[in-house]
Amino acid sequence: MYMRPFLLNVFFSKRFIHAKVMHRGTSKVISVATTNAKDLRNTLPSLTDNNACRVVGKLIAERSKEADVFAMSYEPNKNERIEGKLGIVIDTIKESGIIFV
């Protein structure tokens, strides 16, 4: 738990995409990005497509870097694969310079 203190949490609903990075030990939220925010809701044509996943991943990476978080982990749930929209979010975060451990 303390070797990988920052955890990525991604949630996909039918209408929105929510992502946050939190510290495991203190449960403090470091950064949040959602397509339900006013600025993204008005600019994106679709709030759940692949382009929205890339935007959310880029925002999480930028906001995490501002909070001096350069490494995080993602633990998939049981029977969850890292592919599709989740894969796009994680790949975008990796491309932006965040290390996954």
PDB file of N, CA and C in Angstrom:
ATOM      1  N   MET A   1       0.813  -1.189   0.000  1.00  0.00           N
ATOM      2  CA  MET A   1       0.000   0.000   0.000  1.00  0.00           C
ATOM      3  C   MET A   1       0.863   1.262   0.000  1.00  0.00           C
ATOM      4  N   TYR A   2       1.947   1.257   0.756  1.00  0.00           N
ATOM      5  CA  TYR A   2       2.774   2.455   0.837  1.00  0.00           C
ATOM      6  C   TYR A   2       3.837   2.500  -0.251  1.00  0.00           C
ATOM      7  N   MET A   3       4.046   1.396  -0.968  1.00  0.00           N
ATOM      8  CA  MET A   3       4.988   1.415  -2.087  1.00  0.00           C
ATOM      9  C   MET A   3       4.341   2.047  -3.316  1.00  0.00           C
ATOM     10  N   ARG A   4       3.016   1.954  -3.420  1.00  0.00           N
ATOM     11  CA  ARG A   4       2.266   2.568  -4.513  1.00  0.00           C
ATOM     12  C   ARG A   4       1.181   3.451  -3.912  1.00  0.00           C
ATOM     13  N   PRO A   5       1.547   4.648  -3.446  1.00  0.00           N
ATOM     14  CA  PRO A   5       0.589   5.432  -2.661  1.00  0.00           C
ATOM     15  C   PRO A   5      -0.527   6.091  -3.471  1.00  0.00           C
ATOM     16  N   PHE A   6      -0.324   6.363  -4.763  1.00  0.00           N
ATOM     17  CA  PHE A   6      -1.334   7.084  -5.530  1.00  0.00           C
ATOM     18  C   PHE A   6      -2.080   6.121  -6.443  1.00  0.00           C
ATOM     19  N   LEU A   7      -3.399   6.147  -6.362  1.00  0.00           N
ATOM     20  CA  LEU A   7      -4.247   5.199  -7.058  1.00  0.00           C
ATOM     21  C   LEU A   7      -5.169   5.934  -8.027  1.00  0.00           C
ATOM     22  N   LEU A   8      -5.226   5.441  -9.264  1.00  0.00           N
ATOM     23  CA  LEU A   8      -6.128   5.987 -10.277  1.00  0.00           C
ATOM     24  C   LEU A   8      -7.459   5.259 -10.183  1.00  0.00           C
ATOM     25  N   ASN A   9      -8.540   6.020 -10.200  1.00  0.00           N
ATOM     26  CA  ASN A   9      -9.886   5.464 -10.141  1.00  0.00           C
ATOM     27  C   ASN A   9     -10.670   6.034 -11.315  1.00  0.00           C
ATOM     28  N   VAL A  10     -11.162   5.166 -12.208  1.00  0.00           N
ATOM     29  CA  VAL A  10     -11.896   5.604 -13.394  1.00  0.00           C
ATOM     30  C   VAL A  10     -13.283   4.981 -13.360  1.00  0.00           C
ATOM     31  N   PHE A  11     -14.299   5.799 -13.630  1.00  0.00           N
ATOM     32  CA  PHE A  11     -15.682   5.324 -13.650  1.00  0.00           C
ATOM     33  C   PHE A  11     -16.342   5.778 -14.946  1.00  0.00           C
ATOM     34  N   PHE A  12     -16.979   4.837 -15.630  1.00  0.00           N
ATOM     35  CA  PHE A  12     -17.697   5.121 -16.865  1.00  0.00           C
ATOM     36  C   PHE A  12     -19.185   4.924 -16.631  1.00  0.00           C
ATOM     37  N   SER A  13     -19.969   5.976 -16.800  1.00  0.00           N
ATOM     38  CA  SER A  13     -21.415   5.839 -16.754  1.00  0.00           C
ATOM     39  C   SER A  13     -21.934   5.929 -18.183  1.00  0.00           C
ATOM     40  N   LYS A  14     -23.224   5.865 -18.356  1.00  0.00           N
ATOM     41  CA  LYS A  14     -23.790   5.958 -19.703  1.00  0.00           C
ATOM     42  C   LYS A  14     -23.648   7.355 -20.287  1.00  0.00           C
ATOM     43  N   ARG A  15     -23.524   8.352 -19.408  1.00  0.00           N
ATOM     44  CA  ARG A  15     -23.495   9.733 -19.879  1.00  0.00           C
ATOM     45  C   ARG A  15     -22.160  10.446 -19.693  1.00  0.00           C
ATOM     46  N   PHE A  16     -21.335  10.006 -18.729  1.00  0.00           N
ATOM     47  CA  PHE A  16     -20.129  10.749 -18.394  1.00  0.00           C
ATOM     48  C   PHE A  16     -18.961   9.812 -18.121  1.00  0.00           C
ATOM     49  N   ILE A  17     -17.761  10.403 -18.058  1.00  0.00           N
ATOM     50  CA  ILE A  17     -16.545   9.700 -17.659  1.00  0.00           C
ATOM     51  C   ILE A  17     -15.956  10.464 -16.475  1.00  0.00           C
ATOM     52  N   HIS A  18     -15.690   9.770 -15.378  1.00  0.00           N
ATOM     53  CA  HIS A  18     -15.102  10.374 -14.190  1.00  0.00           C
ATOM     54  C   HIS A  18     -13.776   9.683 -13.904  1.00  0.00           C
ATOM     55  N   ALA A  19     -12.753  10.470 -13.572  1.00  0.00           N
ATOM     56  CA  ALA A  19     -11.461   9.911 -13.189  1.00  0.00           C
ATOM     57  C   ALA A  19     -10.897  10.738 -12.053  1.00  0.00           C
ATOM     58  N   LYS A  20     -10.237  10.059 -11.105  1.00  0.00           N
ATOM     59  CA  LYS A  20      -9.598  10.780 -10.009  1.00  0.00           C
ATOM     60  C   LYS A  20      -8.369  10.008  -9.562  1.00  0.00           C
ATOM     61  N   VAL A  21      -7.430  10.746  -8.986  1.00  0.00           N
ATOM     62  CA  VAL A  21      -6.220  10.173  -8.406  1.00  0.00           C
ATOM     63  C   VAL A  21      -6.275  10.487  -6.927  1.00  0.00           C
ATOM     64  N   MET A  22      -6.121   9.450  -6.099  1.00  0.00           N
ATOM     65  CA  MET A  22      -6.184   9.675  -4.664  1.00  0.00           C
ATOM     66  C   MET A  22      -5.016   8.997  -3.955  1.00  0.00           C
ATOM     67  N   HIS A  23      -4.670   9.533  -2.800  1.00  0.00           N
ATOM     68  CA  HIS A  23      -3.612   8.981  -1.963  1.00  0.00           C
ATOM     69  C   HIS A  23      -4.225   7.902  -1.093  1.00  0.00           C
ATOM     70  N   ARG A  24      -3.631   6.719  -1.113  1.00  0.00           N
ATOM     71  CA  ARG A  24      -4.214   5.586  -0.400  1.00  0.00           C
ATOM     72  C   ARG A  24      -4.181   5.751   1.115  1.00  0.00           C
ATOM     73  N   GLY A  25      -3.073   6.228   1.621  1.00  0.00           N
ATOM     74  CA  GLY A  25      -2.915   6.310   3.067  1.00  0.00           C
ATOM     75  C   GLY A  25      -3.846   7.305   3.723  1.00  0.00           C
ATOM     76  N   THR A  26      -4.056   8.450   3.094  1.00  0.00           N
ATOM     77  CA  THR A  26      -4.865   9.507   3.683  1.00  0.00           C
ATOM     78  C   THR A  26      -6.224   9.671   3.012  1.00  0.00           C
ATOM     79  N   SER A  27      -6.450   8.995   1.901  1.00  0.00           N
ATOM     80  CA  SER A  27      -7.685   9.098   1.099  1.00  0.00           C
ATOM     81  C   SER A  27      -7.919  10.516   0.591  1.00  0.00           C
ATOM     82  N   LYS A  28      -6.854  11.265   0.428  1.00  0.00           N
ATOM     83  CA  LYS A  28      -6.946  12.626  -0.093  1.00  0.00           C
ATOM     84  C   LYS A  28      -6.983  12.574  -1.618  1.00  0.00           C
ATOM     85  N   VAL A  29      -7.916  13.299  -2.212  1.00  0.00           N
ATOM     86  CA  VAL A  29      -8.042  13.341  -3.662  1.00  0.00           C
ATOM     87  C   VAL A  29      -7.022  14.347  -4.197  1.00  0.00           C
ATOM     88  N   ILE A  30      -6.166  13.876  -5.103  1.00  0.00           N
ATOM     89  CA  ILE A  30      -5.099  14.713  -5.658  1.00  0.00           C
ATOM     90  C   ILE A  30      -5.585  15.465  -6.892  1.00  0.00           C
ATOM     91  N   SER A  31      -6.236  14.763  -7.818  1.00  0.00           N
ATOM     92  CA  SER A  31      -6.724  15.415  -9.030  1.00  0.00           C
ATOM     93  C   SER A  31      -8.001  14.724  -9.509  1.00  0.00           C
ATOM     94  N   VAL A  32      -8.853  15.509 -10.146  1.00  0.00           N
ATOM     95  CA  VAL A  32     -10.135  15.018 -10.641  1.00  0.00           C
ATOM     96  C   VAL A  32     -10.359  15.563 -12.044  1.00  0.00           C
ATOM     97  N   ALA A  33     -10.911  14.722 -12.917  1.00  0.00           N
ATOM     98  CA  ALA A  33     -11.326  15.163 -14.247  1.00  0.00           C
ATOM     99  C   ALA A  33     -12.613  14.432 -14.598  1.00  0.00           C
ATOM    100  N   THR A  34     -13.565  15.156 -15.124  1.00  0.00           N
ATOM    101  CA  THR A  34     -14.831  14.565 -15.518  1.00  0.00           C
ATOM    102  C   THR A  34     -15.368  15.287 -16.742  1.00  0.00           C
ATOM    103  N   THR A  35     -16.089  14.558 -17.577  1.00  0.00           N
ATOM    104  CA  THR A  35     -16.710  15.189 -18.737  1.00  0.00           C
ATOM    105  C   THR A  35     -17.990  15.900 -18.347  1.00  0.00           C
ATOM    106  N   ASN A  36     -18.384  15.831 -17.085  1.00  0.00           N
ATOM    107  CA  ASN A  36     -19.561  16.526 -16.593  1.00  0.00           C
ATOM    108  C   ASN A  36     -19.244  17.966 -16.202  1.00  0.00           C
ATOM    109  N   ALA A  37     -17.965  18.356 -16.217  1.00  0.00           N
ATOM    110  CA  ALA A  37     -17.581  19.728 -15.885  1.00  0.00           C
ATOM    111  C   ALA A  37     -18.102  20.681 -16.967  1.00  0.00           C
ATOM    112  N   LYS A  38     -18.389  21.914 -16.570  1.00  0.00           N
ATOM    113  CA  LYS A  38     -18.991  22.870 -17.507  1.00  0.00           C
ATOM    114  C   LYS A  38     -18.143  23.106 -18.746  1.00  0.00           C
ATOM    115  N   ASP A  39     -16.820  23.272 -18.554  1.00  0.00           N
ATOM    116  CA  ASP A  39     -15.976  23.588 -19.701  1.00  0.00           C
ATOM    117  C   ASP A  39     -15.920  22.438 -20.716  1.00  0.00           C
ATOM    118  N   LEU A  40     -15.914  21.202 -20.244  1.00  0.00           N
ATOM    119  CA  LEU A  40     -15.877  20.063 -21.163  1.00  0.00           C
ATOM    120  C   LEU A  40     -17.256  19.734 -21.720  1.00  0.00           C
ATOM    121  N   ARG A  41     -18.276  19.902 -20.916  1.00  0.00           N
ATOM    122  CA  ARG A  41     -19.628  19.564 -21.358  1.00  0.00           C
ATOM    123  C   ARG A  41     -20.047  20.399 -22.563  1.00  0.00           C
ATOM    124  N   ASN A  42     -19.604  21.649 -22.609  1.00  0.00           N
ATOM    125  CA  ASN A  42     -20.004  22.535 -23.694  1.00  0.00           C
ATOM    126  C   ASN A  42     -19.101  22.434 -24.916  1.00  0.00           C
ATOM    127  N   THR A  43     -17.880  21.919 -24.760  1.00  0.00           N
ATOM    128  CA  THR A  43     -16.947  21.891 -25.890  1.00  0.00           C
ATOM    129  C   THR A  43     -16.868  20.547 -26.587  1.00  0.00           C
ATOM    130  N   LEU A  44     -17.106  19.449 -25.881  1.00  0.00           N
ATOM    131  CA  LEU A  44     -17.003  18.124 -26.498  1.00  0.00           C
ATOM    132  C   LEU A  44     -18.314  17.740 -27.178  1.00  0.00           C
ATOM    133  N   PRO A  45     -18.232  17.193 -28.398  1.00  0.00           N
ATOM    134  CA  PRO A  45     -19.471  16.765 -29.061  1.00  0.00           C
ATOM    135  C   PRO A  45     -20.117  15.550 -28.387  1.00  0.00           C
ATOM    136  N   SER A  46     -19.307  14.622 -27.903  1.00  0.00           N
ATOM    137  CA  SER A  46     -19.820  13.456 -27.187  1.00  0.00           C
ATOM    138  C   SER A  46     -19.050  13.323 -25.881  1.00  0.00           C
ATOM    139  N   LEU A  47     -19.739  13.005 -24.801  1.00  0.00           N
ATOM    140  CA  LEU A  47     -19.107  12.949 -23.485  1.00  0.00           C
ATOM    141  C   LEU A  47     -18.624  11.555 -23.107  1.00  0.00           C
ATOM    142  N   THR A  48     -18.806  10.577 -23.992  1.00  0.00           N
ATOM    143  CA  THR A  48     -18.405   9.212 -23.653  1.00  0.00           C
ATOM    144  C   THR A  48     -17.607   8.518 -24.751  1.00  0.00           C
ATOM    145  N   ASP A  49     -17.219   9.210 -25.809  1.00  0.00           N
ATOM    146  CA  ASP A  49     -16.503   8.550 -26.895  1.00  0.00           C
ATOM    147  C   ASP A  49     -15.002   8.518 -26.622  1.00  0.00           C
ATOM    148  N   ASN A  50     -14.228   8.023 -27.614  1.00  0.00           N
ATOM    149  CA  ASN A  50     -12.781   7.877 -27.444  1.00  0.00           C
ATOM    150  C   ASN A  50     -12.078   9.221 -27.282  1.00  0.00           C
ATOM    151  N   ASN A  51     -12.555  10.250 -27.970  1.00  0.00           N
ATOM    152  CA  ASN A  51     -11.948  11.570 -27.837  1.00  0.00           C
ATOM    153  C   ASN A  51     -12.130  12.102 -26.419  1.00  0.00           C
ATOM    154  N   ALA A  52     -13.278  11.869 -25.816  1.00  0.00           N
ATOM    155  CA  ALA A  52     -13.513  12.294 -24.432  1.00  0.00           C
ATOM    156  C   ALA A  52     -12.587  11.550 -23.476  1.00  0.00           C
ATOM    157  N   CYS A  53     -12.311  10.279 -23.753  1.00  0.00           N
ATOM    158  CA  CYS A  53     -11.376   9.515 -22.928  1.00  0.00           C
ATOM    159  C   CYS A  53      -9.977  10.115 -22.989  1.00  0.00           C
ATOM    160  N   ARG A  54      -9.560  10.529 -24.183  1.00  0.00           N
ATOM    161  CA  ARG A  54      -8.236  11.162 -24.330  1.00  0.00           C
ATOM    162  C   ARG A  54      -8.165  12.487 -23.572  1.00  0.00           C
ATOM    163  N   VAL A  55      -9.222  13.271 -23.631  1.00  0.00           N
ATOM    164  CA  VAL A  55      -9.254  14.564 -22.939  1.00  0.00           C
ATOM    165  C   VAL A  55      -9.186  14.365 -21.425  1.00  0.00           C
ATOM    166  N   VAL A  56      -9.934  13.393 -20.909  1.00  0.00           N
ATOM    167  CA  VAL A  56      -9.924  13.124 -19.468  1.00  0.00           C
ATOM    168  C   VAL A  56      -8.541  12.642 -19.037  1.00  0.00           C
ATOM    169  N   GLY A  57      -7.919  11.764 -19.817  1.00  0.00           N
ATOM    170  CA  GLY A  57      -6.574  11.287 -19.494  1.00  0.00           C
ATOM    171  C   GLY A  57      -5.554  12.410 -19.486  1.00  0.00           C
ATOM    172  N   LYS A  58      -5.654  13.307 -20.453  1.00  0.00           N
ATOM    173  CA  LYS A  58      -4.725  14.439 -20.520  1.00  0.00           C
ATOM    174  C   LYS A  58      -4.908  15.378 -19.332  1.00  0.00           C
ATOM    175  N   LEU A  59      -6.164  15.631 -18.951  1.00  0.00           N
ATOM    176  CA  LEU A  59      -6.432  16.502 -17.803  1.00  0.00           C
ATOM    177  C   LEU A  59      -5.926  15.887 -16.496  1.00  0.00           C
ATOM    178  N   ILE A  60      -6.130  14.597 -16.316  1.00  0.00           N
ATOM    179  CA  ILE A  60      -5.644  13.931 -15.100  1.00  0.00           C
ATOM    180  C   ILE A  60      -4.126  14.024 -15.032  1.00  0.00           C
ATOM    181  N   ALA A  61      -3.451  13.816 -16.151  1.00  0.00           N
ATOM    182  CA  ALA A  61      -1.990  13.885 -16.160  1.00  0.00           C
ATOM    183  C   ALA A  61      -1.501  15.290 -15.820  1.00  0.00           C
ATOM    184  N   GLU A  62      -2.115  16.306 -16.421  1.00  0.00           N
ATOM    185  CA  GLU A  62      -1.694  17.682 -16.160  1.00  0.00           C
ATOM    186  C   GLU A  62      -1.930  18.075 -14.701  1.00  0.00           C
ATOM    187  N   ARG A  63      -3.087  17.732 -14.184  1.00  0.00           N
ATOM    188  CA  ARG A  63      -3.414  18.111 -12.810  1.00  0.00           C
ATOM    189  C   ARG A  63      -2.592  17.321 -11.799  1.00  0.00           C
ATOM    190  N   SER A  64      -2.230  16.099 -12.128  1.00  0.00           N
ATOM    191  CA  SER A  64      -1.375  15.317 -11.232  1.00  0.00           C
ATOM    192  C   SER A  64       0.035  15.885 -11.209  1.00  0.00           C
ATOM    193  N   LYS A  65       0.536  16.298 -12.374  1.00  0.00           N
ATOM    194  CA  LYS A  65       1.871  16.903 -12.416  1.00  0.00           C
ATOM    195  C   LYS A  65       1.906  18.209 -11.625  1.00  0.00           C
ATOM    196  N   GLU A  66       0.822  18.980 -11.671  1.00  0.00           N
ATOM    197  CA  GLU A  66       0.760  20.220 -10.893  1.00  0.00           C
ATOM    198  C   GLU A  66       0.829  19.936  -9.400  1.00  0.00           C
ATOM    199  N   ALA A  67       0.326  18.758  -8.983  1.00  0.00           N
ATOM    200  CA  ALA A  67       0.344  18.367  -7.570  1.00  0.00           C
ATOM    201  C   ALA A  67       1.593  17.550  -7.230  1.00  0.00           C
ATOM    202  N   ASP A  68       2.582  17.531  -8.127  1.00  0.00           N
ATOM    203  CA  ASP A  68       3.848  16.808  -7.946  1.00  0.00           C
ATOM    204  C   ASP A  68       3.660  15.306  -7.791  1.00  0.00           C
ATOM    205  N   VAL A  69       2.733  14.743  -8.543  1.00  0.00           N
ATOM    206  CA  VAL A  69       2.533  13.287  -8.585  1.00  0.00           C
ATOM    207  C   VAL A  69       2.956  12.832  -9.982  1.00  0.00           C
ATOM    208  N   PHE A  70       4.045  12.049 -10.039  1.00  0.00           N
ATOM    209  CA  PHE A  70       4.560  11.602 -11.322  1.00  0.00           C
ATOM    210  C   PHE A  70       4.491  10.093 -11.487  1.00  0.00           C
ATOM    211  N   ALA A  71       3.939   9.375 -10.502  1.00  0.00           N
ATOM    212  CA  ALA A  71       3.774   7.919 -10.589  1.00  0.00           C
ATOM    213  C   ALA A  71       2.488   7.540  -9.872  1.00  0.00           C
ATOM    214  N   MET A  72       1.755   6.633 -10.481  1.00  0.00           N
ATOM    215  CA  MET A  72       0.509   6.157  -9.881  1.00  0.00           C
ATOM    216  C   MET A  72       0.295   4.715 -10.289  1.00  0.00           C
ATOM    217  N   SER A  73      -0.713   4.100  -9.707  1.00  0.00           N
ATOM    218  CA  SER A  73      -1.021   2.721 -10.062  1.00  0.00           C
ATOM    219  C   SER A  73      -2.502   2.603 -10.351  1.00  0.00           C
ATOM    220  N   TYR A  74      -2.851   1.549 -11.064  1.00  0.00           N
ATOM    221  CA  TYR A  74      -4.253   1.227 -11.331  1.00  0.00           C
ATOM    222  C   TYR A  74      -4.443  -0.244 -11.038  1.00  0.00           C
ATOM    223  N   GLU A  75      -5.410  -0.548 -10.206  1.00  0.00           N
ATOM    224  CA  GLU A  75      -5.711  -1.933  -9.874  1.00  0.00           C
ATOM    225  C   GLU A  75      -7.073  -2.280 -10.452  1.00  0.00           C
ATOM    226  N   PRO A  76      -7.115  -3.110 -11.491  1.00  0.00           N
ATOM    227  CA  PRO A  76      -8.408  -3.464 -12.082  1.00  0.00           C
ATOM    228  C   PRO A  76      -9.231  -4.336 -11.144  1.00  0.00           C
ATOM    229  N   ASN A  77     -10.539  -4.211 -11.265  1.00  0.00           N
ATOM    230  CA  ASN A  77     -11.441  -5.048 -10.490  1.00  0.00           C
ATOM    231  C   ASN A  77     -11.389  -6.478 -11.027  1.00  0.00           C
ATOM    232  N   LYS A  78     -12.029  -7.382 -10.343  1.00  0.00           N
ATOM    233  CA  LYS A  78     -12.060  -8.773 -10.775  1.00  0.00           C
ATOM    234  C   LYS A  78     -12.750  -8.867 -12.140  1.00  0.00           C
ATOM    235  N   ASN A  79     -12.155  -9.608 -13.041  1.00  0.00           N
ATOM    236  CA  ASN A  79     -12.657  -9.825 -14.399  1.00  0.00           C
ATOM    237  C   ASN A  79     -12.711  -8.542 -15.227  1.00  0.00           C
ATOM    238  N   GLU A  80     -11.899  -7.547 -14.905  1.00  0.00           N
ATOM    239  CA  GLU A  80     -11.858  -6.310 -15.675  1.00  0.00           C
ATOM    240  C   GLU A  80     -10.587  -6.292 -16.511  1.00  0.00           C
ATOM    241  N   ARG A  81     -10.729  -5.994 -17.782  1.00  0.00           N
ATOM    242  CA  ARG A  81      -9.582  -5.934 -18.677  1.00  0.00           C
ATOM    243  C   ARG A  81      -9.239  -4.485 -18.974  1.00  0.00           C
ATOM    244  N   ILE A  82      -7.954  -4.240 -19.171  1.00  0.00           N
ATOM    245  CA  ILE A  82      -7.520  -2.888 -19.508  1.00  0.00           C
ATOM    246  C   ILE A  82      -7.506  -2.786 -21.027  1.00  0.00           C
ATOM    247  N   GLU A  83      -8.657  -2.458 -21.583  1.00  0.00           N
ATOM    248  CA  GLU A  83      -8.808  -2.314 -23.020  1.00  0.00           C
ATOM    249  C   GLU A  83      -9.977  -1.384 -23.285  1.00  0.00           C
ATOM    250  N   GLY A  84     -10.127  -0.991 -24.501  1.00  0.00           N
ATOM    251  CA  GLY A  84     -11.221  -0.102 -24.870  1.00  0.00           C
ATOM    252  C   GLY A  84     -11.025   1.288 -24.301  1.00  0.00           C
ATOM    253  N   LYS A  85     -12.082   1.854 -23.750  1.00  0.00           N
ATOM    254  CA  LYS A  85     -12.039   3.219 -23.225  1.00  0.00           C
ATOM    255  C   LYS A  85     -11.089   3.345 -22.046  1.00  0.00           C
ATOM    256  N   LEU A  86     -11.059   2.350 -21.176  1.00  0.00           N
ATOM    257  CA  LEU A  86     -10.125   2.375 -20.049  1.00  0.00           C
ATOM    258  C   LEU A  86      -8.683   2.360 -20.539  1.00  0.00           C
ATOM    259  N   GLY A  87      -8.406   1.563 -21.547  1.00  0.00           N
ATOM    260  CA  GLY A  87      -7.067   1.524 -22.133  1.00  0.00           C
ATOM    261  C   GLY A  87      -6.668   2.854 -22.743  1.00  0.00           C
ATOM    262  N   ILE A  88      -7.630   3.532 -23.364  1.00  0.00           N
ATOM    263  CA  ILE A  88      -7.339   4.844 -23.958  1.00  0.00           C
ATOM    264  C   ILE A  88      -6.987   5.853 -22.866  1.00  0.00           C
ATOM    265  N   VAL A  89      -7.732   5.857 -21.769  1.00  0.00           N
ATOM    266  CA  VAL A  89      -7.443   6.781 -20.668  1.00  0.00           C
ATOM    267  C   VAL A  89      -6.049   6.516 -20.100  1.00  0.00           C
ATOM    268  N   ILE A  90      -5.735   5.257 -19.836  1.00  0.00           N
ATOM    269  CA  ILE A  90      -4.444   4.914 -19.237  1.00  0.00           C
ATOM    270  C   ILE A  90      -3.298   5.196 -20.209  1.00  0.00           C
ATOM    271  N   ASP A  91      -3.467   4.888 -21.493  1.00  0.00           N
ATOM    272  CA  ASP A  91      -2.421   5.165 -22.478  1.00  0.00           C
ATOM    273  C   ASP A  91      -2.166   6.661 -22.624  1.00  0.00           C
ATOM    274  N   THR A  92      -3.214   7.461 -22.578  1.00  0.00           N
ATOM    275  CA  THR A  92      -3.049   8.913 -22.671  1.00  0.00           C
ATOM    276  C   THR A  92      -2.293   9.453 -21.467  1.00  0.00           C
ATOM    277  N   ILE A  93      -2.571   8.909 -20.284  1.00  0.00           N
ATOM    278  CA  ILE A  93      -1.848   9.338 -19.087  1.00  0.00           C
ATOM    279  C   ILE A  93      -0.375   8.958 -19.206  1.00  0.00           C
ATOM    280  N   LYS A  94      -0.090   7.757 -19.714  1.00  0.00           N
ATOM    281  CA  LYS A  94       1.299   7.324 -19.892  1.00  0.00           C
ATOM    282  C   LYS A  94       2.017   8.198 -20.907  1.00  0.00           C
ATOM    283  N   GLU A  95       1.345   8.547 -22.002  1.00  0.00           N
ATOM    284  CA  GLU A  95       1.953   9.397 -23.039  1.00  0.00           C
ATOM    285  C   GLU A  95       2.250  10.794 -22.515  1.00  0.00           C
ATOM    286  N   SER A  96       1.511  11.230 -21.513  1.00  0.00           N
ATOM    287  CA  SER A  96       1.720  12.566 -20.953  1.00  0.00           C
ATOM    288  C   SER A  96       2.851  12.605 -19.933  1.00  0.00           C
ATOM    289  N   GLY A  97       3.485  11.464 -19.649  1.00  0.00           N
ATOM    290  CA  GLY A  97       4.663  11.471 -18.799  1.00  0.00           C
ATOM    291  C   GLY A  97       4.467  10.906 -17.409  1.00  0.00           C
ATOM    292  N   ILE A  98       3.324  10.328 -17.105  1.00  0.00           N
ATOM    293  CA  ILE A  98       3.084   9.725 -15.801  1.00  0.00           C
ATOM    294  C   ILE A  98       3.528   8.254 -15.864  1.00  0.00           C
ATOM    295  N   ILE A  99       4.185   7.784 -14.844  1.00  0.00           N
ATOM    296  CA  ILE A  99       4.675   6.406 -14.787  1.00  0.00           C
ATOM    297  C   ILE A  99       3.675   5.565 -14.014  1.00  0.00           C
ATOM    298  N   PHE A 100       3.336   4.398 -14.559  1.00  0.00           N
ATOM    299  CA  PHE A 100       2.473   3.453 -13.851  1.00  0.00           C
ATOM    300  C   PHE A 100       3.326   2.371 -13.211  1.00  0.00           C
ATOM    301  N   VAL A 101       3.116   2.153 -11.916  1.00  0.00           N
ATOM    302  CA  VAL A 101       3.873   1.133 -11.186  1.00  0.00           C
ATOM    303  C   VAL A 101       2.950   0.032 -10.717  1.00  0.00           C
TER     304      VAL A 101
END
